[in-house]
Amino acid sequence: MTVADMKPAPAQPAGLAAVSRAVVATAADLISNVQRVVVGEENVRTARDNAWDAMLADRARNQARADLIREVAALVARRAPRGRKMTKTPQVVRG
């Protein structure tokens, strides 16, 4: 027998991996169909919807960060005059 006489073994389409993929695909289709029935076709979330919501959340976080930076800068700008003595603890006035 020579190398030329050898024939490749036929591919086995119904292997364990193929069965697993089929089960997962069927489950995903079932979940997708149930979602459409429960929430309605117009309310099904898409990747585009998720990306839009993530972008809006990023903008809101950036705006909150910018607002905080402005507030801290305003507090620093209003600090006590240099001529006044600053103490670590407040002095108690007894009268």
N, C-alpha and C. Protein backbone atom coordinates (compact mmCIF):
# COMPACT_ATOMS: atom_id res chain seq x y z
N MET A 1 0.84 -1.17 0.00
CA MET A 1 0.00 0.00 0.00
C MET A 1 0.89 1.24 0.00
N THR A 2 0.60 2.16 -0.88
CA THR A 2 1.39 3.38 -0.96
C THR A 2 0.56 4.55 -0.45
N VAL A 3 1.21 5.67 -0.35
CA VAL A 3 0.53 6.88 0.10
C VAL A 3 -0.58 7.25 -0.86
N ALA A 4 -0.41 7.01 -2.12
CA ALA A 4 -1.41 7.34 -3.13
C ALA A 4 -2.65 6.47 -2.98
N ASP A 5 -2.51 5.27 -2.45
CA ASP A 5 -3.65 4.38 -2.28
C ASP A 5 -4.51 4.74 -1.07
N MET A 6 -3.99 5.50 -0.13
CA MET A 6 -4.73 5.85 1.08
C MET A 6 -5.78 6.91 0.78
N LYS A 7 -6.96 6.71 1.30
CA LYS A 7 -8.04 7.68 1.12
C LYS A 7 -8.35 8.30 2.47
N PRO A 8 -8.65 9.60 2.49
CA PRO A 8 -8.96 10.23 3.78
C PRO A 8 -10.26 9.67 4.34
N ALA A 9 -10.33 9.63 5.64
CA ALA A 9 -11.55 9.15 6.29
C ALA A 9 -12.66 10.17 6.08
N PRO A 10 -13.89 9.71 5.89
CA PRO A 10 -15.00 10.65 5.70
C PRO A 10 -15.26 11.45 6.97
N ALA A 11 -15.61 12.70 6.80
CA ALA A 11 -15.89 13.56 7.94
C ALA A 11 -17.16 13.10 8.62
N GLN A 12 -17.19 13.17 9.93
CA GLN A 12 -18.36 12.76 10.68
C GLN A 12 -19.11 14.02 11.13
N PRO A 13 -20.21 14.36 10.46
CA PRO A 13 -20.90 15.61 10.75
C PRO A 13 -21.65 15.59 12.08
N ALA A 14 -21.96 14.44 12.63
CA ALA A 14 -22.76 14.38 13.84
C ALA A 14 -21.90 14.11 15.07
N GLY A 15 -20.77 14.81 15.16
CA GLY A 15 -19.91 14.65 16.32
C GLY A 15 -20.47 15.39 17.53
N LEU A 16 -19.81 15.24 18.64
CA LEU A 16 -20.26 15.87 19.88
C LEU A 16 -20.28 17.40 19.76
N ALA A 17 -19.28 17.97 19.11
CA ALA A 17 -19.24 19.43 18.96
C ALA A 17 -20.41 19.93 18.11
N ALA A 18 -20.72 19.20 17.05
CA ALA A 18 -21.83 19.61 16.18
C ALA A 18 -23.16 19.53 16.92
N VAL A 19 -23.32 18.51 17.72
CA VAL A 19 -24.55 18.36 18.50
C VAL A 19 -24.65 19.49 19.53
N SER A 20 -23.55 19.81 20.19
CA SER A 20 -23.54 20.90 21.17
C SER A 20 -23.90 22.23 20.53
N ARG A 21 -23.33 22.50 19.36
CA ARG A 21 -23.64 23.74 18.66
C ARG A 21 -25.11 23.80 18.28
N ALA A 22 -25.66 22.67 17.85
CA ALA A 22 -27.08 22.63 17.47
C ALA A 22 -27.97 22.90 18.67
N VAL A 23 -27.63 22.34 19.81
CA VAL A 23 -28.42 22.55 21.03
C VAL A 23 -28.37 24.01 21.46
N VAL A 24 -27.18 24.59 21.44
CA VAL A 24 -27.04 26.00 21.83
C VAL A 24 -27.78 26.91 20.86
N ALA A 25 -27.69 26.66 19.58
CA ALA A 25 -28.39 27.48 18.58
C ALA A 25 -29.90 27.39 18.77
N THR A 26 -30.39 26.19 19.03
CA THR A 26 -31.83 26.00 19.23
C THR A 26 -32.29 26.72 20.50
N ALA A 27 -31.51 26.64 21.56
CA ALA A 27 -31.85 27.33 22.81
C ALA A 27 -31.85 28.84 22.61
N ALA A 28 -30.89 29.36 21.86
CA ALA A 28 -30.84 30.80 21.61
C ALA A 28 -32.05 31.25 20.80
N ASP A 29 -32.44 30.47 19.81
CA ASP A 29 -33.64 30.80 19.03
C ASP A 29 -34.89 30.78 19.90
N LEU A 30 -34.99 29.80 20.77
CA LEU A 30 -36.14 29.70 21.67
C LEU A 30 -36.22 30.90 22.60
N ILE A 31 -35.09 31.28 23.19
CA ILE A 31 -35.07 32.44 24.09
C ILE A 31 -35.43 33.71 23.34
N SER A 32 -34.90 33.86 22.14
CA SER A 32 -35.21 35.03 21.33
C SER A 32 -36.69 35.11 21.00
N ASN A 33 -37.28 33.99 20.64
CA ASN A 33 -38.72 33.97 20.32
C ASN A 33 -39.58 34.25 21.54
N VAL A 34 -39.19 33.70 22.69
CA VAL A 34 -39.94 33.96 23.93
C VAL A 34 -39.86 35.45 24.27
N GLN A 35 -38.69 36.05 24.12
CA GLN A 35 -38.54 37.48 24.41
C GLN A 35 -39.45 38.31 23.50
N ARG A 36 -39.51 37.97 22.23
CA ARG A 36 -40.37 38.71 21.31
C ARG A 36 -41.84 38.61 21.70
N VAL A 37 -42.25 37.42 22.15
CA VAL A 37 -43.64 37.23 22.56
C VAL A 37 -43.94 38.00 23.84
N VAL A 38 -43.03 37.97 24.79
CA VAL A 38 -43.27 38.59 26.10
C VAL A 38 -43.23 40.11 26.03
N VAL A 39 -42.20 40.67 25.43
CA VAL A 39 -42.04 42.13 25.44
C VAL A 39 -42.53 42.81 24.17
N GLY A 40 -42.79 42.06 23.14
CA GLY A 40 -43.24 42.65 21.88
C GLY A 40 -42.07 42.88 20.94
N GLU A 41 -42.35 42.81 19.66
CA GLU A 41 -41.31 42.94 18.64
C GLU A 41 -40.59 44.29 18.72
N GLU A 42 -41.33 45.36 19.01
CA GLU A 42 -40.72 46.71 19.02
C GLU A 42 -39.87 46.96 20.25
N ASN A 43 -40.00 46.14 21.30
CA ASN A 43 -39.25 46.36 22.54
C ASN A 43 -38.08 45.41 22.72
N VAL A 44 -37.75 44.62 21.72
CA VAL A 44 -36.63 43.69 21.82
C VAL A 44 -35.33 44.48 21.77
N ARG A 45 -34.46 44.23 22.75
CA ARG A 45 -33.18 44.94 22.82
C ARG A 45 -32.24 44.44 21.72
N THR A 46 -31.49 45.37 21.15
CA THR A 46 -30.51 45.01 20.13
C THR A 46 -29.15 45.49 20.58
N ALA A 47 -28.13 45.07 19.88
CA ALA A 47 -26.77 45.51 20.19
C ALA A 47 -26.67 47.03 20.02
N ARG A 48 -27.38 47.56 19.04
CA ARG A 48 -27.37 49.01 18.82
C ARG A 48 -27.98 49.74 20.02
N ASP A 49 -29.08 49.21 20.55
CA ASP A 49 -29.70 49.82 21.74
C ASP A 49 -28.75 49.78 22.93
N ASN A 50 -28.09 48.65 23.12
CA ASN A 50 -27.14 48.52 24.22
C ASN A 50 -25.98 49.49 24.07
N ALA A 51 -25.47 49.64 22.85
CA ALA A 51 -24.36 50.57 22.61
C ALA A 51 -24.80 52.01 22.86
N TRP A 52 -26.01 52.36 22.45
CA TRP A 52 -26.52 53.71 22.67
C TRP A 52 -26.64 54.01 24.16
N ASP A 53 -27.20 53.06 24.92
CA ASP A 53 -27.33 53.25 26.36
C ASP A 53 -25.97 53.37 27.04
N ALA A 54 -25.00 52.59 26.59
CA ALA A 54 -23.65 52.68 27.15
C ALA A 54 -23.02 54.03 26.85
N MET A 55 -23.25 54.55 25.65
CA MET A 55 -22.70 55.86 25.30
C MET A 55 -23.33 56.96 26.15
N LEU A 56 -24.65 56.88 26.37
CA LEU A 56 -25.32 57.87 27.21
C LEU A 56 -24.82 57.80 28.65
N ALA A 57 -24.58 56.59 29.15
CA ALA A 57 -24.04 56.44 30.51
C ALA A 57 -22.64 57.03 30.60
N ASP A 58 -21.81 56.83 29.58
CA ASP A 58 -20.47 57.42 29.56
C ASP A 58 -20.54 58.94 29.58
N ARG A 59 -21.44 59.49 28.79
CA ARG A 59 -21.59 60.96 28.78
C ARG A 59 -22.02 61.47 30.14
N ALA A 60 -22.94 60.77 30.80
CA ALA A 60 -23.42 61.21 32.11
C ALA A 60 -22.29 61.14 33.13
N ARG A 61 -21.47 60.07 33.11
CA ARG A 61 -20.33 59.97 34.02
C ARG A 61 -19.33 61.08 33.77
N ASN A 62 -19.04 61.37 32.51
CA ASN A 62 -18.09 62.43 32.19
C ASN A 62 -18.63 63.79 32.63
N GLN A 63 -19.92 64.03 32.48
CA GLN A 63 -20.52 65.29 32.92
C GLN A 63 -20.44 65.42 34.44
N ALA A 64 -20.73 64.33 35.15
CA ALA A 64 -20.65 64.36 36.61
C ALA A 64 -19.22 64.62 37.07
N ARG A 65 -18.24 64.01 36.39
CA ARG A 65 -16.84 64.23 36.73
C ARG A 65 -16.46 65.69 36.49
N ALA A 66 -16.90 66.26 35.37
CA ALA A 66 -16.59 67.66 35.07
C ALA A 66 -17.24 68.59 36.09
N ASP A 67 -18.47 68.29 36.50
CA ASP A 67 -19.15 69.10 37.51
C ASP A 67 -18.40 69.06 38.83
N LEU A 68 -17.94 67.88 39.22
CA LEU A 68 -17.19 67.75 40.47
C LEU A 68 -15.88 68.52 40.41
N ILE A 69 -15.20 68.45 39.28
CA ILE A 69 -13.93 69.19 39.12
C ILE A 69 -14.18 70.69 39.25
N ARG A 70 -15.28 71.19 38.63
CA ARG A 70 -15.60 72.61 38.75
C ARG A 70 -15.91 73.00 40.20
N GLU A 71 -16.64 72.15 40.91
CA GLU A 71 -16.97 72.44 42.32
C GLU A 71 -15.72 72.49 43.18
N VAL A 72 -14.82 71.54 42.99
CA VAL A 72 -13.58 71.53 43.77
C VAL A 72 -12.74 72.76 43.44
N ALA A 73 -12.68 73.14 42.18
CA ALA A 73 -11.92 74.33 41.80
C ALA A 73 -12.52 75.57 42.44
N ALA A 74 -13.85 75.65 42.52
CA ALA A 74 -14.49 76.79 43.15
C ALA A 74 -14.20 76.82 44.65
N LEU A 75 -14.18 75.67 45.30
CA LEU A 75 -13.85 75.62 46.73
C LEU A 75 -12.41 76.05 46.98
N VAL A 76 -11.52 75.62 46.14
CA VAL A 76 -10.11 76.00 46.28
C VAL A 76 -9.95 77.50 46.07
N ALA A 77 -10.68 78.05 45.12
CA ALA A 77 -10.57 79.49 44.83
C ALA A 77 -11.11 80.33 45.98
N ARG A 78 -12.06 79.80 46.76
CA ARG A 78 -12.64 80.56 47.85
C ARG A 78 -11.98 80.31 49.19
N ARG A 79 -10.78 79.76 49.20
CA ARG A 79 -10.14 79.42 50.47
C ARG A 79 -9.86 80.68 51.28
N ALA A 80 -9.50 80.49 52.54
CA ALA A 80 -9.30 81.60 53.49
C ALA A 80 -8.16 82.52 53.03
N PRO A 81 -8.26 83.82 53.37
CA PRO A 81 -7.18 84.75 53.03
C PRO A 81 -5.87 84.34 53.70
N ARG A 82 -4.76 84.73 53.12
CA ARG A 82 -3.45 84.30 53.64
C ARG A 82 -3.10 84.94 54.98
N GLY A 83 -3.65 86.09 55.30
CA GLY A 83 -3.31 86.78 56.55
C GLY A 83 -3.93 86.13 57.77
N ARG A 84 -4.95 85.36 57.61
CA ARG A 84 -5.63 84.73 58.73
C ARG A 84 -4.92 83.46 59.15
N LYS A 85 -4.75 83.27 60.45
CA LYS A 85 -4.07 82.10 60.96
C LYS A 85 -5.01 80.90 60.88
N MET A 86 -4.51 79.84 60.30
CA MET A 86 -5.29 78.63 60.19
C MET A 86 -4.86 77.66 61.28
N THR A 87 -5.82 77.10 62.01
CA THR A 87 -5.50 76.12 63.04
C THR A 87 -6.01 74.77 62.61
N LYS A 88 -5.45 73.73 63.20
CA LYS A 88 -5.86 72.39 62.84
C LYS A 88 -7.23 72.05 63.44
N THR A 89 -7.49 72.53 64.63
CA THR A 89 -8.78 72.26 65.26
C THR A 89 -9.47 73.58 65.53
N PRO A 90 -10.78 73.60 65.52
CA PRO A 90 -11.49 74.85 65.80
C PRO A 90 -11.32 75.25 67.28
N GLN A 91 -11.23 76.54 67.48
CA GLN A 91 -11.10 77.04 68.86
C GLN A 91 -12.48 77.18 69.48
N VAL A 92 -12.54 76.77 70.75
CA VAL A 92 -13.80 76.85 71.46
C VAL A 92 -13.86 78.21 72.17
N VAL A 93 -14.93 78.95 71.93
CA VAL A 93 -15.11 80.26 72.56
C VAL A 93 -16.06 80.06 73.72
N ARG A 94 -15.59 80.39 74.92
CA ARG A 94 -16.44 80.26 76.10
C ARG A 94 -16.83 81.66 76.57
N GLY A 95 -18.07 81.83 76.85
CA GLY A 95 -18.45 83.17 77.20
C GLY A 95 -19.34 83.34 78.31
